[in-house]
């Protein structure tokens, strides 16, 4: 093997693949559960528990984004929300010893199948272009062209991303629109490509709700409940996102508020389409190979 060659059979890539296999199974079964009248919390907890049962850990809380929500929505501790005639995006991640896989699928209960198809076809088209040396801007342009051909807009301020060790978002950035200068893809990169399509203007903004957090840096805090929460965060989740409902402390919302006030954790507000319009999403994790890419999260 040459000095600059990448060993795609190395242990870390096998763990990425294992994470992808587990994730594909969980995603497909979780999507089957989504139906009118089913509780969001039931689907989220089932998927997270299934990941653990299969020998891995959730890489982040299951995102259940509905209608105009695009990302970062997850049920609260006592959430009793149920699905209606909604556009439902399930975004799920798996960690195997910190090596990650990330995937998303839209379940359309709203009667807008073409919006779902737009993000699916955009992802398929993007995957066809992936190979070493391709510019990520070219991929973004293809995603934009496919979605606009359906009469919709891509969500331009959301993008795909690299996956690192215990890092959910790393370089390279994979845009969902044409950009003049992107990043050149390289063999061995592990990337999540995730087109978002909308019948709105194509931009999202932060909402008020915040149920997902991540460690900013380690620190000290006087409050006993906050200290206990911080111990759990650093030991179990490290730098990966976690849900309020995952914390085994009394009044976890208050503990997180104190940690956030001390800049120890940061939150992920729910992202919503600016015009209040529907959003669909489709995502796969890939490994860039010498002759294209290997999709780790494809259904078996």
C-alpha atoms as a PDB file:
ATOM      1  CA  UNK A   1       0.000   0.000   0.000  1.00  0.00           C
ATOM      2  CA  UNK A   2       1.373   3.426  -0.941  1.00  0.00           C
ATOM      3  CA  UNK A   3       2.043   6.052   1.699  1.00  0.00           C
ATOM      4  CA  UNK A   4      -1.062   8.066   0.724  1.00  0.00           C
ATOM      5  CA  UNK A   5      -3.409   5.095   0.218  1.00  0.00           C
ATOM      6  CA  UNK A   6      -6.429   4.641   2.469  1.00  0.00           C
ATOM      7  CA  UNK A   7      -7.171   1.237   3.996  1.00  0.00           C
ATOM      8  CA  UNK A   8     -10.952   0.992   3.672  1.00  0.00           C
ATOM      9  CA  UNK A   9     -10.845  -2.344   5.504  1.00  0.00           C
ATOM     10  CA  UNK A  10      -9.430  -0.699   8.624  1.00  0.00           C
ATOM     11  CA  UNK A  11     -11.240  -1.230  11.916  1.00  0.00           C
ATOM     12  CA  UNK A  12     -12.809   2.227  11.943  1.00  0.00           C
ATOM     13  CA  UNK A  13     -14.461   1.656   8.564  1.00  0.00           C
ATOM     14  CA  UNK A  14     -15.801  -1.699   9.718  1.00  0.00           C
ATOM     15  CA  UNK A  15     -17.384   0.094  12.669  1.00  0.00           C
ATOM     16  CA  UNK A  16     -18.879   2.706  10.350  1.00  0.00           C
ATOM     17  CA  UNK A  17     -20.315  -0.181   8.314  1.00  0.00           C
ATOM     18  CA  UNK A  18     -21.689  -1.923  11.406  1.00  0.00           C
ATOM     19  CA  UNK A  19     -23.318   1.336  12.486  1.00  0.00           C
ATOM     20  CA  UNK A  20     -24.848   1.623   9.019  1.00  0.00           C
ATOM     21  CA  UNK A  21     -26.216  -1.922   9.034  1.00  0.00           C
ATOM     22  CA  UNK A  22     -27.858  -1.426  12.412  1.00  0.00           C
ATOM     23  CA  UNK A  23     -29.203   1.950  11.376  1.00  0.00           C
ATOM     24  CA  UNK A  24     -30.760   0.709   8.134  1.00  0.00           C
ATOM     25  CA  UNK A  25     -32.674  -1.968  10.044  1.00  0.00           C
ATOM     26  CA  UNK A  26     -33.876   0.431  12.733  1.00  0.00           C
ATOM     27  CA  UNK A  27     -34.817   3.176  10.252  1.00  0.00           C
ATOM     28  CA  UNK A  28     -36.933   0.840   8.125  1.00  0.00           C
ATOM     29  CA  UNK A  29     -38.779  -0.606  11.121  1.00  0.00           C
ATOM     30  CA  UNK A  30     -39.297   2.803  12.735  1.00  0.00           C
ATOM     31  CA  UNK A  31     -40.717   4.189   9.490  1.00  0.00           C
ATOM     32  CA  UNK A  32     -43.234   1.334   9.427  1.00  0.00           C
ATOM     33  CA  UNK A  33     -44.451   2.425  12.879  1.00  0.00           C
ATOM     34  CA  UNK A  34     -45.317   5.959  11.772  1.00  0.00           C
ATOM     35  CA  UNK A  35     -49.085   6.222  11.297  1.00  0.00           C
ATOM     36  CA  UNK A  36     -51.961   8.493  12.237  1.00  0.00           C
ATOM     37  CA  UNK A  37     -52.629   8.298  15.980  1.00  0.00           C
ATOM     38  CA  UNK A  38     -49.220   6.849  16.961  1.00  0.00           C
ATOM     39  CA  UNK A  39     -47.252   8.817  19.550  1.00  0.00           C
ATOM     40  CA  UNK A  40     -43.999  10.514  18.534  1.00  0.00           C
ATOM     41  CA  UNK A  41     -42.429   9.409  21.814  1.00  0.00           C
ATOM     42  CA  UNK A  42     -43.311   5.762  21.176  1.00  0.00           C
ATOM     43  CA  UNK A  43     -41.450   5.778  17.845  1.00  0.00           C
ATOM     44  CA  UNK A  44     -38.435   7.663  19.203  1.00  0.00           C
ATOM     45  CA  UNK A  45     -37.992   5.477  22.275  1.00  0.00           C
ATOM     46  CA  UNK A  46     -38.539   2.275  20.310  1.00  0.00           C
ATOM     47  CA  UNK A  47     -35.834   3.216  17.808  1.00  0.00           C
ATOM     48  CA  UNK A  48     -33.345   4.334  20.470  1.00  0.00           C
ATOM     49  CA  UNK A  49     -33.931   1.182  22.515  1.00  0.00           C
ATOM     50  CA  UNK A  50     -33.620  -1.020  19.408  1.00  0.00           C
ATOM     51  CA  UNK A  51     -30.242   0.531  18.588  1.00  0.00           C
ATOM     52  CA  UNK A  52     -29.012  -0.317  22.098  1.00  0.00           C
ATOM     53  CA  UNK A  53     -30.489  -3.828  21.846  1.00  0.00           C
ATOM     54  CA  UNK A  54     -28.469  -4.387  18.657  1.00  0.00           C
ATOM     55  CA  UNK A  55     -25.233  -3.536  20.440  1.00  0.00           C
ATOM     56  CA  UNK A  56     -24.734   0.125  19.515  1.00  0.00           C
ATOM     57  CA  UNK A  57     -25.747   3.532  20.866  1.00  0.00           C
ATOM     58  CA  UNK A  58     -27.819   6.353  19.378  1.00  0.00           C
ATOM     59  CA  UNK A  59     -25.487   8.943  17.870  1.00  0.00           C
ATOM     60  CA  UNK A  60     -28.111  11.580  18.673  1.00  0.00           C
ATOM     61  CA  UNK A  61     -31.764  11.614  19.760  1.00  0.00           C
ATOM     62  CA  UNK A  62     -34.186  10.405  17.116  1.00  0.00           C
ATOM     63  CA  UNK A  63     -35.386  13.486  15.245  1.00  0.00           C
ATOM     64  CA  UNK A  64     -39.084  13.455  14.409  1.00  0.00           C
ATOM     65  CA  UNK A  65     -39.670  16.614  12.405  1.00  0.00           C
ATOM     66  CA  UNK A  66     -43.240  17.224  11.272  1.00  0.00           C
ATOM     67  CA  UNK A  67     -44.563  19.394   8.434  1.00  0.00           C
ATOM     68  CA  UNK A  68     -42.660  22.722   8.506  1.00  0.00           C
ATOM     69  CA  UNK A  69     -40.062  21.354  10.926  1.00  0.00           C
ATOM     70  CA  UNK A  70     -36.814  20.430   9.183  1.00  0.00           C
ATOM     71  CA  UNK A  71     -34.512  19.253  11.979  1.00  0.00           C
ATOM     72  CA  UNK A  72     -33.755  19.011  15.708  1.00  0.00           C
ATOM     73  CA  UNK A  73     -37.263  18.071  16.837  1.00  0.00           C
ATOM     74  CA  UNK A  74     -37.393  15.228  19.349  1.00  0.00           C
ATOM     75  CA  UNK A  75     -40.084  14.365  21.913  1.00  0.00           C
ATOM     76  CA  UNK A  76     -39.905  15.732  25.440  1.00  0.00           C
ATOM     77  CA  UNK A  77     -40.017  13.514  28.531  1.00  0.00           C
ATOM     78  CA  UNK A  78     -43.814  13.387  28.792  1.00  0.00           C
ATOM     79  CA  UNK A  79     -44.665  14.226  25.177  1.00  0.00           C
ATOM     80  CA  UNK A  80     -48.100  12.975  24.141  1.00  0.00           C
ATOM     81  CA  UNK A  81     -48.048  14.301  20.563  1.00  0.00           C
ATOM     82  CA  UNK A  82     -49.450  11.934  17.947  1.00  0.00           C
ATOM     83  CA  UNK A  83     -49.100  11.822  14.189  1.00  0.00           C
ATOM     84  CA  UNK A  84     -51.883  13.308  12.119  1.00  0.00           C
ATOM     85  CA  UNK A  85     -52.023  13.770   8.354  1.00  0.00           C
ATOM     86  CA  UNK A  86     -48.437  15.004   8.460  1.00  0.00           C
ATOM     87  CA  UNK A  87     -45.216  15.064   6.477  1.00  0.00           C
ATOM     88  CA  UNK A  88     -42.899  13.208   8.889  1.00  0.00           C
ATOM     89  CA  UNK A  89     -39.097  13.194   8.700  1.00  0.00           C
ATOM     90  CA  UNK A  90     -37.257  10.580  10.749  1.00  0.00           C
ATOM     91  CA  UNK A  91     -33.555  11.353  11.202  1.00  0.00           C
ATOM     92  CA  UNK A  92     -31.652   8.678  13.142  1.00  0.00           C
ATOM     93  CA  UNK A  93     -27.993   8.113  14.008  1.00  0.00           C
ATOM     94  CA  UNK A  94     -25.958   5.190  15.334  1.00  0.00           C
ATOM     95  CA  UNK A  95     -22.587   5.139  17.100  1.00  0.00           C
ATOM     96  CA  UNK A  96     -20.338   2.082  17.319  1.00  0.00           C
ATOM     97  CA  UNK A  97     -17.468   3.053  19.607  1.00  0.00           C
ATOM     98  CA  UNK A  98     -17.821   6.611  18.380  1.00  0.00           C
ATOM     99  CA  UNK A  99     -17.803   5.718  14.665  1.00  0.00           C
ATOM    100  CA  UNK A 100     -21.041   6.974  13.176  1.00  0.00           C
ATOM    101  CA  UNK A 101     -23.811   6.485  10.651  1.00  0.00           C
ATOM    102  CA  UNK A 102     -26.588   8.975   9.944  1.00  0.00           C
ATOM    103  CA  UNK A 103     -29.755   8.476   7.885  1.00  0.00           C
ATOM    104  CA  UNK A 104     -33.160  10.024   7.327  1.00  0.00           C
ATOM    105  CA  UNK A 105     -36.387   9.135   5.573  1.00  0.00           C
ATOM    106  CA  UNK A 106     -39.703  10.889   5.021  1.00  0.00           C
ATOM    107  CA  UNK A 107     -42.990   9.167   5.779  1.00  0.00           C
ATOM    108  CA  UNK A 108     -45.772  11.046   3.997  1.00  0.00           C
ATOM    109  CA  UNK A 109     -49.133  10.946   5.741  1.00  0.00           C
ATOM    110  CA  UNK A 110     -50.090  14.318   4.247  1.00  0.00           C
ATOM    111  CA  UNK A 111     -50.894  13.329   0.678  1.00  0.00           C
ATOM    112  CA  UNK A 112     -47.890  15.046  -0.929  1.00  0.00           C
ATOM    113  CA  UNK A 113     -45.967  12.127  -2.456  1.00  0.00           C
ATOM    114  CA  UNK A 114     -44.078  14.252  -5.020  1.00  0.00           C
ATOM    115  CA  UNK A 115     -42.440  16.340  -2.297  1.00  0.00           C
ATOM    116  CA  UNK A 116     -41.146  13.135  -0.727  1.00  0.00           C
ATOM    117  CA  UNK A 117     -39.992  11.867  -4.146  1.00  0.00           C
ATOM    118  CA  UNK A 118     -38.097  15.102  -4.805  1.00  0.00           C
ATOM    119  CA  UNK A 119     -35.696  14.629  -1.894  1.00  0.00           C
ATOM    120  CA  UNK A 120     -35.361  10.896  -2.609  1.00  0.00           C
ATOM    121  CA  UNK A 121     -34.486  11.401  -6.268  1.00  0.00           C
ATOM    122  CA  UNK A 122     -32.132  14.253  -5.393  1.00  0.00           C
ATOM    123  CA  UNK A 123     -30.211  11.939  -3.069  1.00  0.00           C
ATOM    124  CA  UNK A 124     -30.027   9.182  -5.691  1.00  0.00           C
ATOM    125  CA  UNK A 125     -28.697  11.670  -8.232  1.00  0.00           C
ATOM    126  CA  UNK A 126     -26.132  13.008  -5.770  1.00  0.00           C
ATOM    127  CA  UNK A 127     -24.832   9.522  -4.969  1.00  0.00           C
ATOM    128  CA  UNK A 128     -24.274   8.872  -8.681  1.00  0.00           C
ATOM    129  CA  UNK A 129     -21.836  11.789  -8.791  1.00  0.00           C
ATOM    130  CA  UNK A 130     -19.731  10.901  -5.757  1.00  0.00           C
ATOM    131  CA  UNK A 131     -16.131   9.938  -6.467  1.00  0.00           C
ATOM    132  CA  UNK A 132     -12.684  11.177  -5.475  1.00  0.00           C
ATOM    133  CA  UNK A 133     -11.892  14.549  -7.029  1.00  0.00           C
ATOM    134  CA  UNK A 134     -15.484  15.705  -7.517  1.00  0.00           C
ATOM    135  CA  UNK A 135     -16.315  19.141  -6.097  1.00  0.00           C
ATOM    136  CA  UNK A 136     -19.092  19.207  -3.501  1.00  0.00           C
ATOM    137  CA  UNK A 137     -20.562  22.220  -5.321  1.00  0.00           C
ATOM    138  CA  UNK A 138     -21.255  19.977  -8.319  1.00  0.00           C
ATOM    139  CA  UNK A 139     -23.205  17.632  -6.053  1.00  0.00           C
ATOM    140  CA  UNK A 140     -25.124  20.571  -4.607  1.00  0.00           C
ATOM    141  CA  UNK A 141     -26.013  21.796  -8.093  1.00  0.00           C
ATOM    142  CA  UNK A 142     -27.407  18.368  -8.996  1.00  0.00           C
ATOM    143  CA  UNK A 143     -29.489  18.253  -5.810  1.00  0.00           C
ATOM    144  CA  UNK A 144     -30.881  21.707  -6.588  1.00  0.00           C
ATOM    145  CA  UNK A 145     -31.634  20.836 -10.227  1.00  0.00           C
ATOM    146  CA  UNK A 146     -33.548  17.675  -9.312  1.00  0.00           C
ATOM    147  CA  UNK A 147     -35.638  19.326  -6.600  1.00  0.00           C
ATOM    148  CA  UNK A 148     -36.452  22.345  -8.787  1.00  0.00           C
ATOM    149  CA  UNK A 149     -37.458  20.020 -11.631  1.00  0.00           C
ATOM    150  CA  UNK A 150     -40.221  18.794  -9.315  1.00  0.00           C
ATOM    151  CA  UNK A 151     -41.356  22.391  -8.798  1.00  0.00           C
ATOM    152  CA  UNK A 152     -39.947  22.692  -5.275  1.00  0.00           C
ATOM    153  CA  UNK A 153     -36.987  24.403  -3.620  1.00  0.00           C
ATOM    154  CA  UNK A 154     -34.031  22.880  -1.764  1.00  0.00           C
ATOM    155  CA  UNK A 155     -33.502  24.077   1.799  1.00  0.00           C
ATOM    156  CA  UNK A 156     -30.373  26.086   1.097  1.00  0.00           C
ATOM    157  CA  UNK A 157     -29.179  26.726   4.671  1.00  0.00           C
ATOM    158  CA  UNK A 158     -29.052  23.044   5.574  1.00  0.00           C
ATOM    159  CA  UNK A 159     -26.391  20.736   4.191  1.00  0.00           C
ATOM    160  CA  UNK A 160     -24.746  17.361   4.304  1.00  0.00           C
ATOM    161  CA  UNK A 161     -21.588  16.885   6.329  1.00  0.00           C
ATOM    162  CA  UNK A 162     -18.688  14.683   7.236  1.00  0.00           C
ATOM    163  CA  UNK A 163     -18.805  12.233  10.139  1.00  0.00           C
ATOM    164  CA  UNK A 164     -15.828  11.990  12.479  1.00  0.00           C
ATOM    165  CA  UNK A 165     -14.939  10.005  15.587  1.00  0.00           C
ATOM    166  CA  UNK A 166     -17.431  11.189  18.236  1.00  0.00           C
ATOM    167  CA  UNK A 167     -18.153  14.123  15.914  1.00  0.00           C
ATOM    168  CA  UNK A 168     -21.514  14.338  14.194  1.00  0.00           C
ATOM    169  CA  UNK A 169     -20.664  17.286  11.922  1.00  0.00           C
ATOM    170  CA  UNK A 170     -17.222  17.652  10.323  1.00  0.00           C
ATOM    171  CA  UNK A 171     -15.833  18.676   6.946  1.00  0.00           C
ATOM    172  CA  UNK A 172     -16.650  18.383   4.122  1.00  0.00           C
ATOM    173  CA  UNK A 173     -19.840  20.379   3.783  1.00  0.00           C
ATOM    174  CA  UNK A 174     -22.186  19.039   1.064  1.00  0.00           C
ATOM    175  CA  UNK A 175     -24.515  21.866  -0.025  1.00  0.00           C
ATOM    176  CA  UNK A 176     -28.064  21.388  -1.236  1.00  0.00           C
ATOM    177  CA  UNK A 177     -27.630  24.051  -3.932  1.00  0.00           C
ATOM    178  CA  UNK A 178     -25.066  25.132  -6.487  1.00  0.00           C
ATOM    179  CA  UNK A 179     -22.050  26.928  -5.010  1.00  0.00           C
ATOM    180  CA  UNK A 180     -19.145  28.431  -6.935  1.00  0.00           C
ATOM    181  CA  UNK A 181     -16.458  26.729  -4.889  1.00  0.00           C
ATOM    182  CA  UNK A 182     -16.978  23.655  -2.776  1.00  0.00           C
ATOM    183  CA  UNK A 183     -14.697  20.976  -1.341  1.00  0.00           C
ATOM    184  CA  UNK A 184     -12.918  18.279  -3.339  1.00  0.00           C
ATOM    185  CA  UNK A 185     -13.924  14.815  -2.130  1.00  0.00           C
ATOM    186  CA  UNK A 186     -11.206  12.335  -1.161  1.00  0.00           C
ATOM    187  CA  UNK A 187     -11.007   8.563  -0.766  1.00  0.00           C
ATOM    188  CA  UNK A 188     -11.828   7.484   2.776  1.00  0.00           C
ATOM    189  CA  UNK A 189     -14.089  10.355   3.722  1.00  0.00           C
ATOM    190  CA  UNK A 190     -17.283   9.343   5.554  1.00  0.00           C
ATOM    191  CA  UNK A 191     -20.078  11.695   4.566  1.00  0.00           C
ATOM    192  CA  UNK A 192     -23.802  12.119   5.187  1.00  0.00           C
ATOM    193  CA  UNK A 193     -25.600  13.551   2.156  1.00  0.00           C
ATOM    194  CA  UNK A 194     -29.083  14.870   2.990  1.00  0.00           C
ATOM    195  CA  UNK A 195     -31.242  16.779   0.513  1.00  0.00           C
ATOM    196  CA  UNK A 196     -34.194  18.719   1.933  1.00  0.00           C
ATOM    197  CA  UNK A 197     -37.050  19.735  -0.371  1.00  0.00           C
ATOM    198  CA  UNK A 198     -39.819  22.213   0.425  1.00  0.00           C
ATOM    199  CA  UNK A 199     -42.813  23.889  -1.177  1.00  0.00           C
ATOM    200  CA  UNK A 200     -41.727  27.060   0.636  1.00  0.00           C
ATOM    201  CA  UNK A 201     -38.966  29.567  -0.051  1.00  0.00           C
ATOM    202  CA  UNK A 202     -36.168  27.188   0.970  1.00  0.00           C
ATOM    203  CA  UNK A 203     -34.788  28.628   4.179  1.00  0.00           C
ATOM    204  CA  UNK A 204     -35.142  27.549   7.798  1.00  0.00           C
ATOM    205  CA  UNK A 205     -34.838  29.475  11.056  1.00  0.00           C
ATOM    206  CA  UNK A 206     -34.600  28.538  14.711  1.00  0.00           C
ATOM    207  CA  UNK A 207     -37.810  28.021  16.638  1.00  0.00           C
ATOM    208  CA  UNK A 208     -38.346  28.312  20.382  1.00  0.00           C
ATOM    209  CA  UNK A 209     -38.416  24.630  21.376  1.00  0.00           C
ATOM    210  CA  UNK A 210     -35.128  22.995  22.401  1.00  0.00           C
ATOM    211  CA  UNK A 211     -34.936  19.370  23.519  1.00  0.00           C
ATOM    212  CA  UNK A 212     -31.500  18.402  22.129  1.00  0.00           C
ATOM    213  CA  UNK A 213     -28.184  19.505  23.663  1.00  0.00           C
ATOM    214  CA  UNK A 214     -24.481  18.733  23.400  1.00  0.00           C
ATOM    215  CA  UNK A 215     -21.405  19.294  25.550  1.00  0.00           C
ATOM    216  CA  UNK A 216     -19.616  22.559  24.743  1.00  0.00           C
ATOM    217  CA  UNK A 217     -16.717  22.049  27.146  1.00  0.00           C
ATOM    218  CA  UNK A 218     -16.158  20.511  30.538  1.00  0.00           C
ATOM    219  CA  UNK A 219     -16.546  22.807  33.516  1.00  0.00           C
ATOM    220  CA  UNK A 220     -17.773  23.026  37.073  1.00  0.00           C
ATOM    221  CA  UNK A 221     -21.162  23.943  38.456  1.00  0.00           C
ATOM    222  CA  UNK A 222     -22.366  24.188  42.051  1.00  0.00           C
ATOM    223  CA  UNK A 223     -25.858  22.773  41.656  1.00  0.00           C
ATOM    224  CA  UNK A 224     -25.943  19.086  42.633  1.00  0.00           C
ATOM    225  CA  UNK A 225     -28.424  18.003  39.938  1.00  0.00           C
ATOM    226  CA  UNK A 226     -26.456  19.869  37.264  1.00  0.00           C
ATOM    227  CA  UNK A 227     -23.214  18.224  38.424  1.00  0.00           C
ATOM    228  CA  UNK A 228     -24.811  14.786  38.208  1.00  0.00           C
ATOM    229  CA  UNK A 229     -26.161  15.572  34.742  1.00  0.00           C
ATOM    230  CA  UNK A 230     -22.708  16.712  33.616  1.00  0.00           C
ATOM    231  CA  UNK A 231     -21.164  13.468  34.863  1.00  0.00           C
ATOM    232  CA  UNK A 232     -23.651  11.462  32.794  1.00  0.00           C
ATOM    233  CA  UNK A 233     -23.106  13.656  29.728  1.00  0.00           C
ATOM    234  CA  UNK A 234     -19.307  13.379  29.774  1.00  0.00           C
ATOM    235  CA  UNK A 235     -19.327   9.626  30.499  1.00  0.00           C
ATOM    236  CA  UNK A 236     -22.163   8.453  28.207  1.00  0.00           C
ATOM    237  CA  UNK A 237     -22.592  10.974  25.410  1.00  0.00           C
ATOM    238  CA  UNK A 238     -19.208  12.738  25.266  1.00  0.00           C
ATOM    239  CA  UNK A 239     -19.439  15.266  22.445  1.00  0.00           C
ATOM    240  CA  UNK A 240     -22.498  13.708  20.762  1.00  0.00           C
ATOM    241  CA  UNK A 241     -25.964  15.291  21.055  1.00  0.00           C
ATOM    242  CA  UNK A 242     -28.381  13.989  23.700  1.00  0.00           C
ATOM    243  CA  UNK A 243     -32.018  14.533  24.682  1.00  0.00           C
ATOM    244  CA  UNK A 244     -33.347  16.099  27.851  1.00  0.00           C
ATOM    245  CA  UNK A 245     -35.322  12.896  28.417  1.00  0.00           C
ATOM    246  CA  UNK A 246     -32.093  10.840  28.483  1.00  0.00           C
ATOM    247  CA  UNK A 247     -30.826  12.446  31.698  1.00  0.00           C
ATOM    248  CA  UNK A 248     -31.193  10.404  34.892  1.00  0.00           C
ATOM    249  CA  UNK A 249     -31.519  13.364  37.253  1.00  0.00           C
ATOM    250  CA  UNK A 250     -34.421  15.085  39.015  1.00  0.00           C
ATOM    251  CA  UNK A 251     -35.777  18.057  37.053  1.00  0.00           C
ATOM    252  CA  UNK A 252     -33.461  17.593  34.052  1.00  0.00           C
ATOM    253  CA  UNK A 253     -34.760  20.789  32.406  1.00  0.00           C
ATOM    254  CA  UNK A 254     -33.488  22.836  35.350  1.00  0.00           C
ATOM    255  CA  UNK A 255     -30.142  21.015  35.357  1.00  0.00           C
ATOM    256  CA  UNK A 256     -29.687  21.767  31.671  1.00  0.00           C
ATOM    257  CA  UNK A 257     -30.668  25.388  32.178  1.00  0.00           C
ATOM    258  CA  UNK A 258     -27.886  25.778  34.741  1.00  0.00           C
ATOM    259  CA  UNK A 259     -25.345  24.038  32.486  1.00  0.00           C
ATOM    260  CA  UNK A 260     -26.353  26.230  29.574  1.00  0.00           C
ATOM    261  CA  UNK A 261     -26.051  29.396  31.708  1.00  0.00           C
ATOM    262  CA  UNK A 262     -22.469  28.346  32.443  1.00  0.00           C
ATOM    263  CA  UNK A 263     -21.780  27.718  28.724  1.00  0.00           C
ATOM    264  CA  UNK A 264     -21.076  24.046  29.440  1.00  0.00           C
ATOM    265  CA  UNK A 265     -23.729  22.760  27.037  1.00  0.00           C
ATOM    266  CA  UNK A 266     -25.383  24.268  23.992  1.00  0.00           C
ATOM    267  CA  UNK A 267     -28.812  23.553  22.597  1.00  0.00           C
ATOM    268  CA  UNK A 268     -30.177  22.743  19.167  1.00  0.00           C
ATOM    269  CA  UNK A 269     -33.414  24.692  18.619  1.00  0.00           C
ATOM    270  CA  UNK A 270     -35.954  23.117  16.284  1.00  0.00           C
ATOM    271  CA  UNK A 271     -35.423  24.415  12.732  1.00  0.00           C
ATOM    272  CA  UNK A 272     -38.566  25.431  10.857  1.00  0.00           C
ATOM    273  CA  UNK A 273     -39.219  26.436   7.250  1.00  0.00           C
ATOM    274  CA  UNK A 274     -39.588  30.209   7.145  1.00  0.00           C
ATOM    275  CA  UNK A 275     -42.906  30.194   5.259  1.00  0.00           C
ATOM    276  CA  UNK A 276     -44.410  27.436   7.412  1.00  0.00           C
ATOM    277  CA  UNK A 277     -44.418  25.080   4.419  1.00  0.00           C
ATOM    278  CA  UNK A 278     -43.779  21.338   4.253  1.00  0.00           C
ATOM    279  CA  UNK A 279     -40.266  19.862   4.258  1.00  0.00           C
ATOM    280  CA  UNK A 280     -39.134  16.402   3.096  1.00  0.00           C
ATOM    281  CA  UNK A 281     -35.720  14.841   3.694  1.00  0.00           C
ATOM    282  CA  UNK A 282     -33.713  11.824   2.585  1.00  0.00           C
ATOM    283  CA  UNK A 283     -30.232  10.964   3.872  1.00  0.00           C
ATOM    284  CA  UNK A 284     -27.614   8.257   3.521  1.00  0.00           C
ATOM    285  CA  UNK A 285     -24.122   7.840   4.926  1.00  0.00           C
ATOM    286  CA  UNK A 286     -21.385   6.956   2.445  1.00  0.00           C
ATOM    287  CA  UNK A 287     -17.700   6.084   2.370  1.00  0.00           C
ATOM    288  CA  UNK A 288     -15.890   7.652  -0.600  1.00  0.00           C
ATOM    289  CA  UNK A 289     -14.070   4.843  -2.451  1.00  0.00           C
ATOM    290  CA  UNK A 290     -11.565   4.852  -5.310  1.00  0.00           C
ATOM    291  CA  UNK A 291     -14.286   4.303  -7.905  1.00  0.00           C
ATOM    292  CA  UNK A 292     -17.295   6.003  -6.323  1.00  0.00           C
ATOM    293  CA  UNK A 293     -18.890   5.427  -2.954  1.00  0.00           C
ATOM    294  CA  UNK A 294     -20.162   2.737  -0.606  1.00  0.00           C
ATOM    295  CA  UNK A 295     -23.562   3.474   0.964  1.00  0.00           C
ATOM    296  CA  UNK A 296     -23.470   2.146   4.535  1.00  0.00           C
ATOM    297  CA  UNK A 297     -27.111   2.867   5.411  1.00  0.00           C
ATOM    298  CA  UNK A 298     -28.882   1.251   2.454  1.00  0.00           C
ATOM    299  CA  UNK A 299     -31.588  -1.306   3.236  1.00  0.00           C
ATOM    300  CA  UNK A 300     -30.347  -4.895   3.108  1.00  0.00           C
END
